[in-house]
Amino acid sequence: MVGTALRVTVLAAALMVVTAAVAASASPATTVVRHAYIAPVLAAAARFGFAGGALTALAAVFLAAPLVLPAIEGTGLTWRVADALLLYPVLVVGGAMAGALFTDARWHRARHDVAVDVQRILAAGSDDLREALEEVRSRIAGWLAADVAIVACLDSEHLVVGGRDVAPDSVVAQVLAGGEAVLVRGPSAEARFRRAFAAPLVARGEVVGVLAVERNDELNGQARRAVGALGADVGLGLENARLAAVQRRFNDELARRVTEATAHVEAADRAKSAFVATASHELRTPLTAIQGFAELLAARDFSATESRRVAGIVAAEAKRLARIVADLLDLSRIERGLDLVIRPTPLAVGPALASALAIFRSDGHQRLAIACADVPLTVYADKDALDRVLVNLVSNALKFSPPGTTVMVTAGRVVDGIEFSVTNAGAGIPTDALGRVFEPFYRVAGSEAPGTGIGLSVVKSLVEAHGGRVSLTSAPGEGTRATFVLPGVHDAREAPTTTSGS
């Protein structure tokens, strides 16, 4: 307020100084000094706009009139005097036009500043869109001196509002539906009239929100145009903010996936390192046995019975070694993306089970029970692959079964083939580990049982190579059941019977 009064005083003093200079001249009506009135008029137009420029120009005319009119009366209205008098109407018109231009320039500058602030607010990347819109609303309300300002935008087809809530029949709702600006005039308890104006926020040629202002005085055309232009800026800012948010989410997701992949690779490296140590131990065990008993056979004279017993041990250990090597070769093919080589033929299920599980009959610590149909079943499978699948599953079941418990092996017909299952009464597998038991090198945390950690992954690959499926169900304290289904040959219905051996 003090600054305005000071500027008005300076302008008045400038007018008085010019008037005094005109009065001191020999010919007040035609003196060149009269053009100095232009300076305070332009200064007033620049500072106070249309009204300031026009009023200052009128003040200059009134101050000059007592000096100019007597000169006209004395000499008459000559061409020179008439030409000199043109300065004053030009001064009034020019002052008003200059004031209007300066006012318009200030409007555009203010709108530009607001647009820059809006872009900055929306580009700040706030996770709360409602909070960002509230800051935008506050900035626009301060610029327009509006009593109410609303910035609403559509976010995933839901209306997010900065300011008041939006009623279904409101001006904001009308603009969202129609895509056109709306001006509402109405009476107000606080003022003679109240104006509300809402403009669409447009991005990519689509209405993405609404900018609405309301106040207790006129919203002239200039203000409405400024709001409309600002709506385009806000719409562009919202679109940029949306794209930035998408980019941030993409970067976060990429960082998360990279972290997960890195952790997975590191875990795989650790698992492979552990596998090398474990596999070395697993290979050394049968090799040591084979070497030791072979040296005994070579160094001592055994009876025929004892020789057969030792030779049987060597053969069993050699088979064990062959299974480990076969698993390693299959794992190598799997990791290289190659198909496993199988040669399926029709196999009788009962003899196939007996042949595959004969190796476990000598186990004195576990009890193995086999339940198979009394009606002949035929499975379409590779004999060696089926042996390896059954031996792997039964070996795992025995390793994790407490002494004195029974491991049950069953076979029966289901809709899509022959189903085999191996069930033990062990401690079970934690729920969070069930999804990973078929991964190569994976071992359940806390497991102390021997093994390479590749058996189940090879089982899965062998079963799937037959076109079958394999699954594992377990719960802590409730044992584990491994099930696989292979293509069958006959469709006979049968009732299972149970046989057991130790």
Protein backbone atom coordinates (compact mmCIF):
# COMPACT_ATOMS: atom_id res chain seq x y z
CA MET A 1 0.00 0.00 0.00
CA VAL A 2 2.84 2.41 0.89
CA GLY A 3 4.59 1.50 -2.37
CA THR A 4 1.47 2.34 -4.40
CA ALA A 5 1.05 5.71 -2.70
CA LEU A 6 4.72 6.49 -3.35
CA ARG A 7 4.40 5.65 -7.05
CA VAL A 8 1.24 7.82 -7.37
CA THR A 9 3.10 10.70 -5.70
CA VAL A 10 6.05 10.32 -8.08
CA LEU A 11 3.73 10.29 -11.10
CA ALA A 12 1.89 13.41 -9.86
CA ALA A 13 5.21 15.17 -9.30
CA ALA A 14 6.34 14.22 -12.81
CA LEU A 15 3.13 15.66 -14.29
CA MET A 16 3.61 18.88 -12.34
CA VAL A 17 7.23 19.19 -13.48
CA VAL A 18 6.24 18.73 -17.15
CA THR A 19 3.37 21.19 -16.72
CA ALA A 20 5.72 23.77 -15.20
CA ALA A 21 8.15 23.30 -18.08
CA VAL A 22 5.32 23.78 -20.61
CA ALA A 23 4.15 26.93 -18.79
CA ALA A 24 7.68 28.36 -18.81
CA SER A 25 8.02 27.94 -22.55
CA ALA A 26 7.41 30.82 -24.97
CA SER A 27 4.62 28.96 -26.79
CA PRO A 28 2.82 26.56 -24.39
CA ALA A 29 0.47 25.27 -27.09
CA THR A 30 3.17 24.18 -29.53
CA THR A 31 6.28 23.67 -27.41
CA VAL A 32 8.19 20.44 -27.82
CA VAL A 33 8.33 20.08 -24.04
CA ARG A 34 4.67 18.97 -24.05
CA HIS A 35 5.81 15.56 -25.39
CA ALA A 36 7.38 14.88 -21.98
CA TYR A 37 3.86 14.00 -20.78
CA ILE A 38 4.35 10.68 -22.55
CA ALA A 39 6.88 9.47 -19.92
CA PRO A 40 4.60 9.58 -16.82
CA VAL A 41 1.64 8.29 -18.86
CA LEU A 42 3.62 5.22 -20.01
CA ALA A 43 5.02 4.74 -16.51
CA ALA A 44 1.48 4.77 -15.07
CA ALA A 45 0.29 2.36 -17.80
CA ALA A 46 3.15 -0.02 -17.05
CA ARG A 47 2.48 -0.01 -13.32
CA PHE A 48 -1.31 0.37 -13.04
CA GLY A 49 -2.55 -0.94 -16.39
CA PHE A 50 -5.45 0.39 -18.44
CA ALA A 51 -6.97 2.58 -15.73
CA GLY A 52 -3.63 4.02 -14.65
CA GLY A 53 -2.60 4.91 -18.21
CA ALA A 54 -5.96 6.49 -19.10
CA LEU A 55 -6.30 8.49 -15.85
CA THR A 56 -2.72 9.79 -16.03
CA ALA A 57 -3.28 10.88 -19.64
CA LEU A 58 -6.51 12.69 -18.65
CA ALA A 59 -4.66 14.34 -15.76
CA ALA A 60 -2.03 15.57 -18.22
CA VAL A 61 -4.77 17.01 -20.46
CA PHE A 62 -6.43 18.82 -17.57
CA LEU A 63 -3.10 20.23 -16.37
CA ALA A 64 -2.18 21.44 -19.85
CA ALA A 65 -5.62 22.87 -20.68
CA PRO A 66 -5.22 26.22 -18.76
CA LEU A 67 -1.99 26.77 -20.69
CA VAL A 68 -3.12 25.68 -24.12
CA LEU A 69 -6.64 27.13 -24.32
CA PRO A 70 -5.58 30.83 -23.80
CA ALA A 71 -2.99 30.41 -26.55
CA ILE A 72 -5.72 29.13 -28.89
CA GLU A 73 -7.97 32.03 -27.99
CA GLY A 74 -5.19 34.50 -28.76
CA THR A 75 -3.98 33.12 -32.08
CA GLY A 76 -6.97 31.13 -33.22
CA LEU A 77 -7.08 27.52 -34.36
CA THR A 78 -4.26 27.50 -36.85
CA TRP A 79 -2.90 24.37 -38.53
CA ARG A 80 0.11 24.43 -36.27
CA VAL A 81 -2.01 24.69 -33.15
CA ALA A 82 -4.36 21.97 -34.38
CA ASP A 83 -1.38 19.70 -35.02
CA ALA A 84 -0.09 20.41 -31.50
CA LEU A 85 -3.50 19.65 -29.97
CA LEU A 86 -3.47 16.13 -31.51
CA LEU A 87 -0.94 15.15 -28.86
CA TYR A 88 -3.55 15.12 -26.12
CA PRO A 89 -6.17 12.74 -27.62
CA VAL A 90 -3.30 10.54 -28.79
CA LEU A 91 -1.95 10.68 -25.23
CA VAL A 92 -5.29 9.52 -23.79
CA VAL A 93 -5.82 6.76 -26.34
CA GLY A 94 -2.16 5.68 -26.21
CA GLY A 95 -2.14 5.63 -22.41
CA ALA A 96 -5.24 3.45 -22.31
CA MET A 97 -3.92 1.07 -24.99
CA ALA A 98 -0.48 0.87 -23.38
CA GLY A 99 -2.11 0.12 -20.04
CA ALA A 100 -4.20 -2.64 -21.61
CA LEU A 101 -1.10 -4.15 -23.26
CA PHE A 102 0.90 -4.01 -20.05
CA THR A 103 -2.01 -5.60 -18.14
CA ASP A 104 -2.28 -8.36 -20.73
CA ALA A 105 1.47 -8.92 -20.59
CA ARG A 106 1.33 -9.23 -16.82
CA TRP A 107 -1.51 -11.73 -17.14
CA HIS A 108 0.49 -13.83 -19.55
CA ARG A 109 3.58 -13.65 -17.40
CA ALA A 110 1.60 -14.61 -14.30
CA ARG A 111 -0.03 -17.50 -16.19
CA HIS A 112 3.39 -18.61 -17.38
CA ASP A 113 4.73 -18.51 -13.82
CA VAL A 114 1.74 -20.49 -12.58
CA ALA A 115 2.14 -23.01 -15.41
CA VAL A 116 5.81 -23.45 -14.53
CA ASP A 117 4.92 -23.94 -10.86
CA VAL A 118 2.23 -26.48 -11.80
CA GLN A 119 4.69 -28.41 -13.97
CA ARG A 120 7.21 -28.35 -11.13
CA ILE A 121 4.66 -29.59 -8.59
CA LEU A 122 3.43 -32.40 -10.83
CA ALA A 123 6.95 -33.34 -11.91
CA ALA A 124 8.07 -33.61 -8.28
CA GLY A 125 6.80 -37.19 -8.37
CA SER A 126 4.57 -37.18 -5.29
CA ASP A 127 3.13 -40.66 -4.68
CA ASP A 128 -0.09 -39.04 -3.45
CA LEU A 129 -1.87 -37.53 -6.47
CA ARG A 130 -4.49 -35.92 -4.25
CA GLU A 131 -1.77 -34.08 -2.32
CA ALA A 132 -0.18 -32.82 -5.56
CA LEU A 133 -3.55 -31.63 -6.90
CA GLU A 134 -4.23 -29.78 -3.65
CA GLU A 135 -0.93 -27.91 -4.04
CA VAL A 136 -1.81 -27.07 -7.66
CA ARG A 137 -5.28 -25.90 -6.59
CA SER A 138 -3.83 -23.65 -3.91
CA ARG A 139 -1.42 -22.05 -6.38
CA ILE A 140 -4.16 -21.35 -8.94
CA ALA A 141 -6.57 -20.00 -6.31
CA GLY A 142 -3.92 -17.56 -5.12
CA TRP A 143 -3.21 -16.36 -8.67
CA LEU A 144 -6.89 -15.74 -9.55
CA ALA A 145 -7.88 -14.53 -6.07
CA ALA A 146 -10.64 -17.14 -6.29
CA ASP A 147 -12.81 -18.06 -3.32
CA VAL A 148 -12.97 -21.67 -4.50
CA ALA A 149 -10.72 -23.56 -6.90
CA ILE A 150 -10.99 -27.22 -7.86
CA VAL A 151 -8.54 -29.35 -9.81
CA ALA A 152 -9.94 -32.78 -10.54
CA CYS A 153 -8.39 -35.46 -12.74
CA LEU A 154 -9.24 -38.97 -13.84
CA ASP A 155 -6.78 -41.52 -12.50
CA SER A 156 -7.46 -45.07 -13.71
CA GLU A 157 -11.07 -44.05 -14.40
CA HIS A 158 -11.53 -42.78 -10.83
CA LEU A 159 -11.93 -39.07 -10.08
CA VAL A 160 -9.18 -37.67 -7.87
CA VAL A 161 -9.90 -34.19 -6.52
CA GLY A 162 -7.82 -31.35 -5.13
CA GLY A 163 -10.26 -29.05 -3.29
CA ARG A 164 -13.93 -29.79 -2.72
CA ASP A 165 -15.66 -33.05 -3.51
CA VAL A 166 -17.38 -33.24 -6.89
CA ALA A 167 -21.15 -33.74 -7.00
CA PRO A 168 -22.62 -35.75 -9.90
CA ASP A 169 -24.64 -32.74 -11.17
CA SER A 170 -21.91 -30.11 -10.64
CA VAL A 171 -20.19 -27.92 -13.22
CA VAL A 172 -17.11 -30.12 -12.94
CA ALA A 173 -19.19 -33.19 -13.79
CA GLN A 174 -20.69 -31.34 -16.79
CA VAL A 175 -17.26 -30.47 -18.16
CA LEU A 176 -16.01 -34.03 -17.68
CA ALA A 177 -19.04 -35.32 -19.58
CA GLY A 178 -19.09 -32.71 -22.37
CA GLY A 179 -15.45 -31.70 -22.73
CA GLU A 180 -16.38 -28.00 -23.11
CA ALA A 181 -15.74 -25.02 -20.77
CA VAL A 182 -18.76 -23.84 -18.75
CA LEU A 183 -19.47 -20.39 -17.22
CA VAL A 184 -22.15 -20.11 -14.53
CA ARG A 185 -23.60 -16.80 -13.30
CA GLY A 186 -25.71 -16.67 -10.16
CA PRO A 187 -26.62 -14.56 -7.11
CA SER A 188 -24.67 -14.85 -3.88
CA ALA A 189 -25.41 -13.99 -0.27
CA GLU A 190 -22.01 -12.28 0.00
CA ALA A 191 -22.04 -10.26 -3.24
CA ARG A 192 -24.27 -8.92 -6.03
CA PHE A 193 -23.22 -11.78 -8.28
CA ARG A 194 -21.09 -14.91 -8.19
CA ARG A 195 -19.22 -16.47 -11.09
CA ALA A 196 -18.03 -20.04 -11.59
CA PHE A 197 -15.96 -21.12 -14.57
CA ALA A 198 -14.74 -24.64 -15.37
CA ALA A 199 -12.35 -25.59 -18.19
CA PRO A 200 -11.33 -29.11 -19.28
CA LEU A 201 -7.83 -30.47 -18.73
CA VAL A 202 -6.82 -32.02 -22.04
CA ALA A 203 -4.00 -34.46 -22.77
CA ARG A 204 -3.52 -36.58 -25.86
CA GLY A 205 -6.74 -35.08 -27.23
CA GLU A 206 -8.77 -36.50 -24.34
CA VAL A 207 -10.36 -34.85 -21.31
CA VAL A 208 -8.37 -36.06 -18.30
CA GLY A 209 -9.76 -33.64 -15.69
CA VAL A 210 -11.28 -30.25 -14.91
CA LEU A 211 -9.97 -26.91 -13.61
CA ALA A 212 -12.76 -24.87 -11.97
CA VAL A 213 -12.71 -21.47 -10.19
CA GLU A 214 -15.44 -19.60 -8.35
CA ARG A 215 -15.49 -16.11 -6.83
CA ASN A 216 -17.81 -13.27 -5.78
CA ASP A 217 -17.00 -10.90 -8.64
CA GLU A 218 -16.77 -10.91 -12.38
CA LEU A 219 -14.61 -13.38 -14.27
CA ASN A 220 -13.89 -11.40 -17.42
CA GLY A 221 -12.95 -12.84 -20.78
CA GLN A 222 -9.27 -12.41 -20.11
CA ALA A 223 -9.49 -14.40 -16.87
CA ARG A 224 -11.53 -17.12 -18.56
CA ARG A 225 -9.06 -17.36 -21.42
CA ALA A 226 -6.22 -17.58 -18.94
CA VAL A 227 -7.99 -20.40 -17.06
CA GLY A 228 -8.62 -22.24 -20.34
CA ALA A 229 -4.98 -21.91 -21.40
CA LEU A 230 -3.82 -22.98 -17.96
CA GLY A 231 -6.09 -26.04 -18.25
CA ALA A 232 -4.02 -27.18 -21.22
CA ASP A 233 -0.82 -26.67 -19.20
CA VAL A 234 -2.19 -28.61 -16.24
CA GLY A 235 -3.42 -31.39 -18.53
CA LEU A 236 0.05 -31.65 -20.08
CA GLY A 237 1.59 -31.64 -16.60
CA LEU A 238 -0.73 -34.44 -15.47
CA GLU A 239 0.16 -36.50 -18.54
CA ASN A 240 3.87 -35.93 -17.93
CA ALA A 241 3.40 -36.84 -14.27
CA ARG A 242 1.57 -40.01 -15.28
CA LEU A 243 4.34 -40.98 -17.71
CA ALA A 244 6.96 -40.19 -15.06
CA ALA A 245 5.08 -42.34 -12.53
CA VAL A 246 4.92 -45.19 -15.06
CA GLN A 247 8.66 -44.80 -15.66
CA ARG A 248 9.36 -44.81 -11.92
CA ARG A 249 7.26 -47.94 -11.46
CA PHE A 250 9.05 -49.55 -14.40
CA ASN A 251 12.45 -48.63 -12.92
CA ASP A 252 11.41 -49.92 -9.49
CA GLU A 253 10.13 -53.16 -11.00
CA LEU A 254 13.28 -53.52 -13.09
CA ALA A 255 15.46 -52.90 -10.04
CA ARG A 256 13.43 -55.45 -8.07
CA ARG A 257 13.73 -58.04 -10.83
CA VAL A 258 17.46 -57.39 -11.21
CA THR A 259 17.87 -57.80 -7.45
CA GLU A 260 15.87 -61.02 -7.50
CA ALA A 261 17.80 -62.32 -10.51
CA THR A 262 21.11 -61.43 -8.86
CA ALA A 263 20.05 -63.17 -5.65
CA HIS A 264 18.90 -66.18 -7.68
CA VAL A 265 22.21 -66.36 -9.57
CA GLU A 266 24.16 -66.02 -6.34
CA ALA A 267 22.04 -68.74 -4.74
CA ALA A 268 22.55 -70.94 -7.80
CA ASP A 269 26.30 -70.37 -7.61
CA ARG A 270 26.32 -71.30 -3.93
CA ALA A 271 24.16 -74.33 -4.66
CA LYS A 272 26.48 -75.44 -7.47
CA SER A 273 29.50 -75.04 -5.20
CA ALA A 274 27.78 -77.12 -2.55
CA PHE A 275 26.74 -79.60 -5.24
CA VAL A 276 30.33 -80.07 -6.42
CA ALA A 277 31.39 -80.91 -2.87
CA THR A 278 28.39 -83.17 -2.30
CA ALA A 279 28.66 -84.88 -5.68
CA SER A 280 32.35 -85.52 -5.08
CA HIS A 281 31.46 -87.20 -1.80
CA GLU A 282 28.59 -89.15 -3.37
CA LEU A 283 30.86 -90.38 -6.18
CA ARG A 284 33.69 -91.21 -3.80
CA THR A 285 31.52 -93.45 -1.60
CA PRO A 286 30.66 -96.13 -4.21
CA LEU A 287 34.08 -95.80 -5.81
CA THR A 288 35.76 -96.46 -2.45
CA ALA A 289 33.53 -99.48 -1.86
CA ILE A 290 34.16 -100.86 -5.36
CA GLN A 291 37.89 -100.32 -5.05
CA GLY A 292 38.09 -101.82 -1.55
CA PHE A 293 36.09 -104.98 -2.28
CA ALA A 294 37.82 -105.42 -5.64
CA GLU A 295 41.19 -105.34 -3.88
CA LEU A 296 39.90 -107.90 -1.37
CA LEU A 297 38.79 -110.20 -4.17
CA ALA A 298 42.19 -109.84 -5.82
CA ALA A 299 44.23 -110.30 -2.63
CA ARG A 300 42.35 -113.09 -0.82
CA ASP A 301 40.95 -116.48 -1.54
CA PHE A 302 37.24 -116.44 -0.69
CA SER A 303 34.80 -119.25 -0.77
CA ALA A 304 32.35 -119.29 -3.63
CA THR A 305 29.57 -118.04 -1.36
CA GLU A 306 31.66 -115.21 0.06
CA SER A 307 32.91 -114.28 -3.41
CA ARG A 308 29.34 -113.99 -4.66
CA ARG A 309 28.44 -111.82 -1.66
CA VAL A 310 31.39 -109.46 -2.23
CA ALA A 311 30.74 -109.40 -5.98
CA GLY A 312 27.10 -108.50 -5.25
CA ILE A 313 28.24 -105.57 -3.13
CA VAL A 314 30.56 -104.40 -5.91
CA ALA A 315 27.73 -104.72 -8.45
CA ALA A 316 25.31 -102.79 -6.22
CA GLU A 317 27.81 -100.01 -5.68
CA ALA A 318 28.56 -99.94 -9.40
CA LYS A 319 24.83 -99.55 -10.10
CA ARG A 320 24.68 -96.77 -7.54
CA LEU A 321 27.62 -95.06 -9.23
CA ALA A 322 25.97 -95.52 -12.63
CA ARG A 323 22.76 -93.86 -11.36
CA ILE A 324 24.70 -90.83 -10.10
CA VAL A 325 26.57 -90.52 -13.39
CA ALA A 326 23.31 -90.90 -15.36
CA ASP A 327 21.71 -88.15 -13.24
CA LEU A 328 24.68 -85.87 -13.90
CA LEU A 329 24.52 -86.53 -17.65
CA ASP A 330 20.77 -85.89 -17.70
CA LEU A 331 21.21 -82.68 -15.71
CA SER A 332 23.83 -81.53 -18.22
CA ARG A 333 21.39 -82.11 -21.09
CA ILE A 334 18.62 -80.29 -19.21
CA GLU A 335 20.81 -77.23 -18.53
CA ARG A 336 21.82 -77.11 -22.21
CA GLY A 337 18.16 -77.19 -23.24
CA LEU A 338 18.40 -80.63 -24.87
CA ASP A 339 15.67 -83.27 -24.72
CA LEU A 340 16.27 -86.39 -22.67
CA VAL A 341 16.64 -89.56 -24.71
CA ILE A 342 13.92 -92.09 -23.83
CA ARG A 343 12.62 -95.17 -25.65
CA PRO A 344 9.18 -95.98 -24.22
CA THR A 345 7.73 -99.46 -24.63
CA PRO A 346 4.78 -101.25 -23.02
CA LEU A 347 5.87 -102.46 -19.55
CA ALA A 348 3.99 -104.58 -17.04
CA VAL A 349 3.70 -102.44 -13.91
CA GLY A 350 4.07 -105.22 -11.31
CA PRO A 351 7.34 -106.70 -12.62
CA ALA A 352 8.69 -103.18 -13.30
CA LEU A 353 8.08 -102.23 -9.66
CA ALA A 354 9.64 -105.43 -8.37
CA SER A 355 12.73 -104.98 -10.57
CA ALA A 356 13.23 -101.33 -9.69
CA LEU A 357 12.77 -101.78 -5.93
CA ALA A 358 14.67 -105.05 -5.51
CA ILE A 359 17.73 -103.03 -4.52
CA PHE A 360 15.96 -101.84 -1.36
CA ARG A 361 14.90 -105.30 -0.12
CA SER A 362 18.12 -105.74 1.82
CA ASP A 363 17.51 -102.62 3.93
CA GLY A 364 17.12 -103.76 7.53
CA HIS A 365 16.15 -100.37 8.99
CA GLN A 366 13.15 -99.43 6.85
CA ARG A 367 10.05 -101.32 5.84
CA LEU A 368 8.97 -101.03 2.20
CA ALA A 369 5.38 -101.85 1.20
CA ILE A 370 4.10 -102.13 -2.36
CA ALA A 371 0.43 -101.83 -3.28
CA CYS A 372 -0.42 -102.71 -6.88
CA ALA A 373 -3.54 -103.83 -8.74
CA ASP A 374 -4.23 -107.56 -8.96
CA VAL A 375 -5.41 -106.94 -12.54
CA PRO A 376 -2.41 -106.53 -14.87
CA LEU A 377 -1.44 -102.93 -15.56
CA THR A 378 0.68 -101.85 -18.49
CA VAL A 379 2.51 -98.55 -18.64
CA TYR A 380 4.05 -97.01 -21.75
CA ALA A 381 7.50 -95.98 -20.51
CA ASP A 382 11.25 -96.33 -20.89
CA LYS A 383 12.30 -99.12 -18.49
CA ASP A 384 15.58 -97.53 -17.44
CA ALA A 385 13.92 -94.12 -16.96
CA LEU A 386 11.10 -95.67 -14.88
CA ASP A 387 13.67 -97.51 -12.74
CA ARG A 388 15.57 -94.29 -12.10
CA VAL A 389 12.41 -92.35 -11.23
CA LEU A 390 11.24 -94.99 -8.75
CA VAL A 391 14.71 -95.49 -7.22
CA ASN A 392 15.17 -91.75 -6.78
CA LEU A 393 11.78 -91.26 -5.13
CA VAL A 394 12.01 -94.34 -2.90
CA SER A 395 15.61 -93.50 -1.94
CA ASN A 396 14.50 -90.01 -0.89
CA ALA A 397 11.53 -91.39 1.03
CA LEU A 398 13.74 -93.84 2.93
CA LYS A 399 16.36 -91.20 3.73
CA PHE A 400 13.79 -88.92 5.32
CA SER A 401 11.72 -91.60 7.13
CA PRO A 402 12.23 -92.22 10.86
CA PRO A 403 13.36 -95.76 11.81
CA GLY A 404 10.52 -98.22 12.14
CA THR A 405 8.17 -96.44 9.75
CA THR A 406 6.85 -97.74 6.43
CA VAL A 407 7.41 -96.29 2.97
CA MET A 408 4.41 -97.11 0.77
CA VAL A 409 4.71 -97.48 -3.02
CA THR A 410 1.41 -97.74 -4.93
CA ALA A 411 0.38 -98.03 -8.55
CA GLY A 412 -3.11 -97.76 -10.02
CA ARG A 413 -5.05 -96.58 -13.02
CA VAL A 414 -6.34 -93.01 -13.27
CA VAL A 415 -8.21 -91.25 -16.07
CA ASP A 416 -5.13 -90.18 -18.01
CA GLY A 417 -2.74 -93.08 -17.33
CA ILE A 418 -1.02 -95.05 -14.60
CA GLU A 419 -0.40 -93.24 -11.31
CA PHE A 420 2.55 -94.15 -9.11
CA SER A 421 2.98 -92.75 -5.61
CA VAL A 422 5.66 -92.98 -2.94
CA THR A 423 4.62 -91.98 0.61
CA ASN A 424 6.67 -91.74 3.78
CA ALA A 425 5.94 -90.73 7.36
CA GLY A 426 8.84 -88.34 7.76
CA ALA A 427 9.01 -84.83 9.18
CA GLY A 428 7.59 -83.32 5.98
CA ILE A 429 8.71 -80.35 3.91
CA PRO A 430 8.09 -76.69 4.86
CA THR A 431 5.37 -75.05 2.76
CA ASP A 432 7.69 -72.33 1.44
CA ALA A 433 10.10 -74.96 0.10
CA LEU A 434 7.55 -77.08 -1.80
CA GLY A 435 7.68 -74.87 -4.87
CA ARG A 436 11.45 -75.33 -5.23
CA VAL A 437 12.06 -79.03 -4.53
CA PHE A 438 12.23 -79.83 -8.26
CA GLU A 439 14.90 -77.15 -8.92
CA PRO A 440 18.42 -78.43 -9.68
CA PHE A 441 20.83 -78.30 -6.71
CA TYR A 442 18.07 -77.19 -4.31
CA ARG A 443 18.17 -78.74 -0.83
CA VAL A 444 15.66 -77.98 1.89
CA ALA A 445 17.20 -75.79 4.58
CA GLY A 446 18.28 -77.82 7.60
CA SER A 447 18.33 -81.12 5.71
CA GLU A 448 21.22 -83.32 6.84
CA ALA A 449 20.45 -86.32 4.62
CA PRO A 450 23.07 -87.23 2.00
CA GLY A 451 22.44 -86.66 -1.69
CA THR A 452 23.45 -84.52 -4.66
CA GLY A 453 20.30 -82.39 -4.75
CA ILE A 454 19.60 -83.17 -8.41
CA GLY A 455 17.49 -86.31 -8.08
CA LEU A 456 14.05 -84.65 -8.06
CA SER A 457 14.92 -82.31 -10.94
CA VAL A 458 15.93 -85.35 -13.03
CA VAL A 459 12.73 -87.17 -11.95
CA LYS A 460 10.63 -84.24 -13.14
CA SER A 461 12.42 -84.08 -16.48
CA LEU A 462 12.15 -87.84 -17.08
CA VAL A 463 8.43 -87.91 -16.25
CA GLU A 464 7.68 -84.89 -18.43
CA ALA A 465 9.72 -86.40 -21.27
CA HIS A 466 7.12 -89.22 -21.26
CA GLY A 467 4.31 -86.66 -21.47
CA GLY A 468 3.43 -87.30 -17.83
CA ARG A 469 3.23 -85.13 -14.75
CA VAL A 470 4.77 -85.20 -11.28
CA SER A 471 3.78 -83.52 -8.03
CA LEU A 472 4.74 -83.53 -4.39
CA THR A 473 2.49 -82.87 -1.38
CA SER A 474 3.75 -82.46 2.13
CA ALA A 475 3.21 -80.70 5.42
CA PRO A 476 5.47 -80.42 8.48
CA GLY A 477 4.94 -83.44 10.72
CA GLU A 478 2.61 -85.20 8.24
CA GLY A 479 5.04 -86.93 5.89
CA THR A 480 5.50 -86.52 2.16
CA ARG A 481 3.77 -88.03 -0.88
CA ALA A 482 5.39 -87.95 -4.34
CA THR A 483 3.07 -88.78 -7.24
CA PHE A 484 3.73 -89.16 -10.94
CA VAL A 485 1.50 -90.25 -13.81
CA LEU A 486 2.72 -91.94 -17.01
CA PRO A 487 0.72 -92.93 -20.10
CA GLY A 488 -1.06 -96.26 -19.72
CA VAL A 489 -1.79 -98.95 -22.29
CA HIS A 490 -4.90 -100.76 -20.98
CA ASP A 491 -8.11 -99.30 -19.63
CA ALA A 492 -9.04 -102.21 -17.31
CA ARG A 493 -10.49 -101.34 -13.90
CA GLU A 494 -8.81 -102.95 -10.92
CA ALA A 495 -8.78 -103.04 -7.13
CA PRO A 496 -5.35 -102.68 -5.48
CA THR A 497 -3.93 -105.30 -3.20
CA THR A 498 -0.98 -104.80 -0.84
CA THR A 499 2.21 -106.83 -0.61
CA SER A 500 5.15 -105.99 1.59
CA GLY A 501 8.65 -107.08 2.27
CA SER A 502 11.57 -106.08 4.39
